[in-house]
Amino acid sequence: MATPPASSSAISDHHQKLHSVFVYGSLLADDVVKAILNRVPENSPAILTI
């Protein structure tokens, strides 16, 4: 069964939430991210601890 499209208020509420996402490869390029998301989110380098 298909899910109905989200309302604009639900989409707006969703955009207010923050998510941590690890990306690599072409998703590190701002122009690629802008083409996908239509914006460039704030980012920071990942730190690997051993």
PDB file of N, CA and C in Angstrom:
ATOM      1  N   MET A   1       0.848  -1.171   0.000  1.00  0.00           N
ATOM      2  CA  MET A   1       0.000   0.000   0.000  1.00  0.00           C
ATOM      3  C   MET A   1       0.895   1.236   0.000  1.00  0.00           C
ATOM      4  N   ALA A   2       0.606   2.179  -0.851  1.00  0.00           N
ATOM      5  CA  ALA A   2       1.409   3.396  -0.965  1.00  0.00           C
ATOM      6  C   ALA A   2       1.110   4.352   0.179  1.00  0.00           C
ATOM      7  N   THR A   3       2.140   5.055   0.611  1.00  0.00           N
ATOM      8  CA  THR A   3       1.988   6.064   1.658  1.00  0.00           C
ATOM      9  C   THR A   3       1.631   7.388   1.002  1.00  0.00           C
ATOM     10  N   PRO A   4       0.626   8.092   1.523  1.00  0.00           N
ATOM     11  CA  PRO A   4       0.272   9.385   0.926  1.00  0.00           C
ATOM     12  C   PRO A   4       1.401  10.392   1.126  1.00  0.00           C
ATOM     13  N   PRO A   5       1.525  11.371   0.226  1.00  0.00           N
ATOM     14  CA  PRO A   5       2.584  12.364   0.369  1.00  0.00           C
ATOM     15  C   PRO A   5       2.419  13.169   1.653  1.00  0.00           C
ATOM     16  N   ALA A   6       3.546  13.579   2.227  1.00  0.00           N
ATOM     17  CA  ALA A   6       3.519  14.363   3.467  1.00  0.00           C
ATOM     18  C   ALA A   6       3.023  15.772   3.178  1.00  0.00           C
ATOM     19  N   SER A   7       2.334  16.346   4.149  1.00  0.00           N
ATOM     20  CA  SER A   7       1.876  17.724   4.000  1.00  0.00           C
ATOM     21  C   SER A   7       3.062  18.663   4.141  1.00  0.00           C
ATOM     22  N   SER A   8       2.906  19.905   3.667  1.00  0.00           N
ATOM     23  CA  SER A   8       4.011  20.857   3.751  1.00  0.00           C
ATOM     24  C   SER A   8       4.372  21.165   5.194  1.00  0.00           C
ATOM     25  N   SER A   9       3.402  21.141   6.118  1.00  0.00           N
ATOM     26  CA  SER A   9       3.732  21.398   7.525  1.00  0.00           C
ATOM     27  C   SER A   9       4.530  20.239   8.107  1.00  0.00           C
ATOM     28  N   ALA A  10       4.223  19.014   7.707  1.00  0.00           N
ATOM     29  CA  ALA A  10       4.981  17.857   8.183  1.00  0.00           C
ATOM     30  C   ALA A  10       6.406  17.905   7.643  1.00  0.00           C
ATOM     31  N   ILE A  11       6.554  18.315   6.397  1.00  0.00           N
ATOM     32  CA  ILE A  11       7.886  18.444   5.808  1.00  0.00           C
ATOM     33  C   ILE A  11       8.664  19.535   6.524  1.00  0.00           C
ATOM     34  N   SER A  12       8.024  20.658   6.801  1.00  0.00           N
ATOM     35  CA  SER A  12       8.680  21.753   7.512  1.00  0.00           C
ATOM     36  C   SER A  12       9.125  21.307   8.898  1.00  0.00           C
ATOM     37  N   ASP A  13       8.267  20.577   9.623  1.00  0.00           N
ATOM     38  CA  ASP A  13       8.624  20.069  10.945  1.00  0.00           C
ATOM     39  C   ASP A  13       9.811  19.120  10.851  1.00  0.00           C
ATOM     40  N   HIS A  14       9.820  18.289   9.832  1.00  0.00           N
ATOM     41  CA  HIS A  14      10.903  17.324   9.656  1.00  0.00           C
ATOM     42  C   HIS A  14      12.236  18.035   9.432  1.00  0.00           C
ATOM     43  N   HIS A  15      12.224  19.135   8.689  1.00  0.00           N
ATOM     44  CA  HIS A  15      13.455  19.863   8.401  1.00  0.00           C
ATOM     45  C   HIS A  15      14.029  20.529   9.642  1.00  0.00           C
ATOM     46  N   GLN A  16      13.257  20.692  10.690  1.00  0.00           N
ATOM     47  CA  GLN A  16      13.740  21.304  11.913  1.00  0.00           C
ATOM     48  C   GLN A  16      14.562  20.328  12.744  1.00  0.00           C
ATOM     49  N   LYS A  17      14.468  19.048  12.479  1.00  0.00           N
ATOM     50  CA  LYS A  17      15.203  18.038  13.236  1.00  0.00           C
ATOM     51  C   LYS A  17      16.608  17.886  12.660  1.00  0.00           C
ATOM     52  N   LEU A  18      17.574  17.613  13.531  1.00  0.00           N
ATOM     53  CA  LEU A  18      18.950  17.418  13.094  1.00  0.00           C
ATOM     54  C   LEU A  18      19.283  15.937  13.067  1.00  0.00           C
ATOM     55  N   HIS A  19      20.058  15.542  12.075  1.00  0.00           N
ATOM     56  CA  HIS A  19      20.492  14.162  11.947  1.00  0.00           C
ATOM     57  C   HIS A  19      21.987  14.151  11.680  1.00  0.00           C
ATOM     58  N   SER A  20      22.702  13.257  12.317  1.00  0.00           N
ATOM     59  CA  SER A  20      24.117  13.068  12.018  1.00  0.00           C
ATOM     60  C   SER A  20      24.225  12.043  10.899  1.00  0.00           C
ATOM     61  N   VAL A  21      24.950  12.394   9.859  1.00  0.00           N
ATOM     62  CA  VAL A  21      25.091  11.515   8.701  1.00  0.00           C
ATOM     63  C   VAL A  21      26.563  11.451   8.319  1.00  0.00           C
ATOM     64  N   PHE A  22      27.083  10.243   8.141  1.00  0.00           N
ATOM     65  CA  PHE A  22      28.458  10.060   7.671  1.00  0.00           C
ATOM     66  C   PHE A  22      28.414   9.920   6.160  1.00  0.00           C
ATOM     67  N   VAL A  23      29.192  10.737   5.459  1.00  0.00           N
ATOM     68  CA  VAL A  23      29.239  10.648   3.996  1.00  0.00           C
ATOM     69  C   VAL A  23      30.687  10.560   3.540  1.00  0.00           C
ATOM     70  N   TYR A  24      30.873  10.018   2.354  1.00  0.00           N
ATOM     71  CA  TYR A  24      32.201   9.938   1.757  1.00  0.00           C
ATOM     72  C   TYR A  24      32.044   9.988   0.250  1.00  0.00           C
ATOM     73  N   GLY A  25      33.160  10.041  -0.443  1.00  0.00           N
ATOM     74  CA  GLY A  25      33.128  10.054  -1.900  1.00  0.00           C
ATOM     75  C   GLY A  25      32.556  11.346  -2.442  1.00  0.00           C
ATOM     76  N   SER A  26      31.745  11.233  -3.484  1.00  0.00           N
ATOM     77  CA  SER A  26      31.229  12.425  -4.159  1.00  0.00           C
ATOM     78  C   SER A  26      30.287  13.240  -3.281  1.00  0.00           C
ATOM     79  N   LEU A  27      29.750  12.647  -2.211  1.00  0.00           N
ATOM     80  CA  LEU A  27      28.874  13.417  -1.314  1.00  0.00           C
ATOM     81  C   LEU A  27      29.653  14.420  -0.468  1.00  0.00           C
ATOM     82  N   LEU A  28      30.979  14.410  -0.551  1.00  0.00           N
ATOM     83  CA  LEU A  28      31.784  15.425   0.124  1.00  0.00           C
ATOM     84  C   LEU A  28      31.850  16.715  -0.694  1.00  0.00           C
ATOM     85  N   ALA A  29      31.467  16.662  -1.959  1.00  0.00           N
ATOM     86  CA  ALA A  29      31.506  17.840  -2.829  1.00  0.00           C
ATOM     87  C   ALA A  29      30.227  18.654  -2.658  1.00  0.00           C
ATOM     88  N   ASP A  30      30.391  19.932  -2.312  1.00  0.00           N
ATOM     89  CA  ASP A  30      29.232  20.798  -2.080  1.00  0.00           C
ATOM     90  C   ASP A  30      28.302  20.869  -3.286  1.00  0.00           C
ATOM     91  N   ASP A  31      28.852  20.894  -4.508  1.00  0.00           N
ATOM     92  CA  ASP A  31      27.992  20.996  -5.687  1.00  0.00           C
ATOM     93  C   ASP A  31      27.128  19.748  -5.873  1.00  0.00           C
ATOM     94  N   VAL A  32      27.644  18.592  -5.502  1.00  0.00           N
ATOM     95  CA  VAL A  32      26.862  17.351  -5.590  1.00  0.00           C
ATOM     96  C   VAL A  32      25.742  17.363  -4.551  1.00  0.00           C
ATOM     97  N   VAL A  33      26.078  17.742  -3.321  1.00  0.00           N
ATOM     98  CA  VAL A  33      25.075  17.792  -2.247  1.00  0.00           C
ATOM     99  C   VAL A  33      23.987  18.805  -2.591  1.00  0.00           C
ATOM    100  N   LYS A  34      24.379  19.963  -3.132  1.00  0.00           N
ATOM    101  CA  LYS A  34      23.392  20.988  -3.500  1.00  0.00           C
ATOM    102  C   LYS A  34      22.454  20.472  -4.592  1.00  0.00           C
ATOM    103  N   ALA A  35      22.980  19.705  -5.532  1.00  0.00           N
ATOM    104  CA  ALA A  35      22.142  19.148  -6.598  1.00  0.00           C
ATOM    105  C   ALA A  35      21.127  18.154  -6.041  1.00  0.00           C
ATOM    106  N   ILE A  36      21.509  17.427  -4.997  1.00  0.00           N
ATOM    107  CA  ILE A  36      20.621  16.423  -4.411  1.00  0.00           C
ATOM    108  C   ILE A  36      19.624  17.048  -3.441  1.00  0.00           C
ATOM    109  N   LEU A  37      20.128  17.900  -2.535  1.00  0.00           N
ATOM    110  CA  LEU A  37      19.290  18.439  -1.454  1.00  0.00           C
ATOM    111  C   LEU A  37      18.757  19.842  -1.721  1.00  0.00           C
ATOM    112  N   ASN A  38      19.282  20.489  -2.755  1.00  0.00           N
ATOM    113  CA  ASN A  38      18.925  21.871  -3.058  1.00  0.00           C
ATOM    114  C   ASN A  38      19.416  22.824  -1.967  1.00  0.00           C
ATOM    115  N   ARG A  39      20.407  22.386  -1.205  1.00  0.00           N
ATOM    116  CA  ARG A  39      21.055  23.198  -0.169  1.00  0.00           C
ATOM    117  C   ARG A  39      22.332  22.482   0.240  1.00  0.00           C
ATOM    118  N   VAL A  40      23.199  23.188   0.950  1.00  0.00           N
ATOM    119  CA  VAL A  40      24.415  22.573   1.481  1.00  0.00           C
ATOM    120  C   VAL A  40      24.351  22.672   2.996  1.00  0.00           C
ATOM    121  N   PRO A  41      24.101  21.560   3.677  1.00  0.00           N
ATOM    122  CA  PRO A  41      23.993  21.585   5.132  1.00  0.00           C
ATOM    123  C   PRO A  41      25.345  21.881   5.796  1.00  0.00           C
ATOM    124  N   GLU A  42      25.280  22.341   7.028  1.00  0.00           N
ATOM    125  CA  GLU A  42      26.485  22.542   7.825  1.00  0.00           C
ATOM    126  C   GLU A  42      27.167  21.188   7.998  1.00  0.00           C
ATOM    127  N   ASN A  43      28.491  21.186   7.956  1.00  0.00           N
ATOM    128  CA  ASN A  43      29.191  19.914   8.119  1.00  0.00           C
ATOM    129  C   ASN A  43      30.418  20.080   8.998  1.00  0.00           C
ATOM    130  N   SER A  44      30.943  18.974   9.450  1.00  0.00           N
ATOM    131  CA  SER A  44      32.172  18.960  10.244  1.00  0.00           C
ATOM    132  C   SER A  44      32.881  17.640   9.992  1.00  0.00           C
ATOM    133  N   PRO A  45      34.206  17.620  10.141  1.00  0.00           N
ATOM    134  CA  PRO A  45      34.936  16.378   9.888  1.00  0.00           C
ATOM    135  C   PRO A  45      34.620  15.314  10.935  1.00  0.00           C
ATOM    136  N   ALA A  46      34.636  14.079  10.501  1.00  0.00           N
ATOM    137  CA  ALA A  46      34.427  12.960  11.422  1.00  0.00           C
ATOM    138  C   ALA A  46      35.748  12.630  12.103  1.00  0.00           C
ATOM    139  N   ILE A  47      35.668  12.192  13.339  1.00  0.00           N
ATOM    140  CA  ILE A  47      36.862  11.815  14.091  1.00  0.00           C
ATOM    141  C   ILE A  47      36.734  10.349  14.476  1.00  0.00           C
ATOM    142  N   LEU A  48      37.707   9.555  14.051  1.00  0.00           N
ATOM    143  CA  LEU A  48      37.724   8.132  14.375  1.00  0.00           C
ATOM    144  C   LEU A  48      38.612   7.924  15.588  1.00  0.00           C
ATOM    145  N   THR A  49      38.045   7.366  16.633  1.00  0.00           N
ATOM    146  CA  THR A  49      38.839   7.068  17.824  1.00  0.00           C
ATOM    147  C   THR A  49      39.011   5.563  17.930  1.00  0.00           C
ATOM    148  N   ILE A  50      40.187   5.159  18.310  1.00  0.00           N
ATOM    149  CA  ILE A  50      40.489   3.726  18.409  1.00  0.00           C
ATOM    150  C   ILE A  50      40.684   3.337  19.856  1.00  0.00           C
TER     151      ILE A  50
END
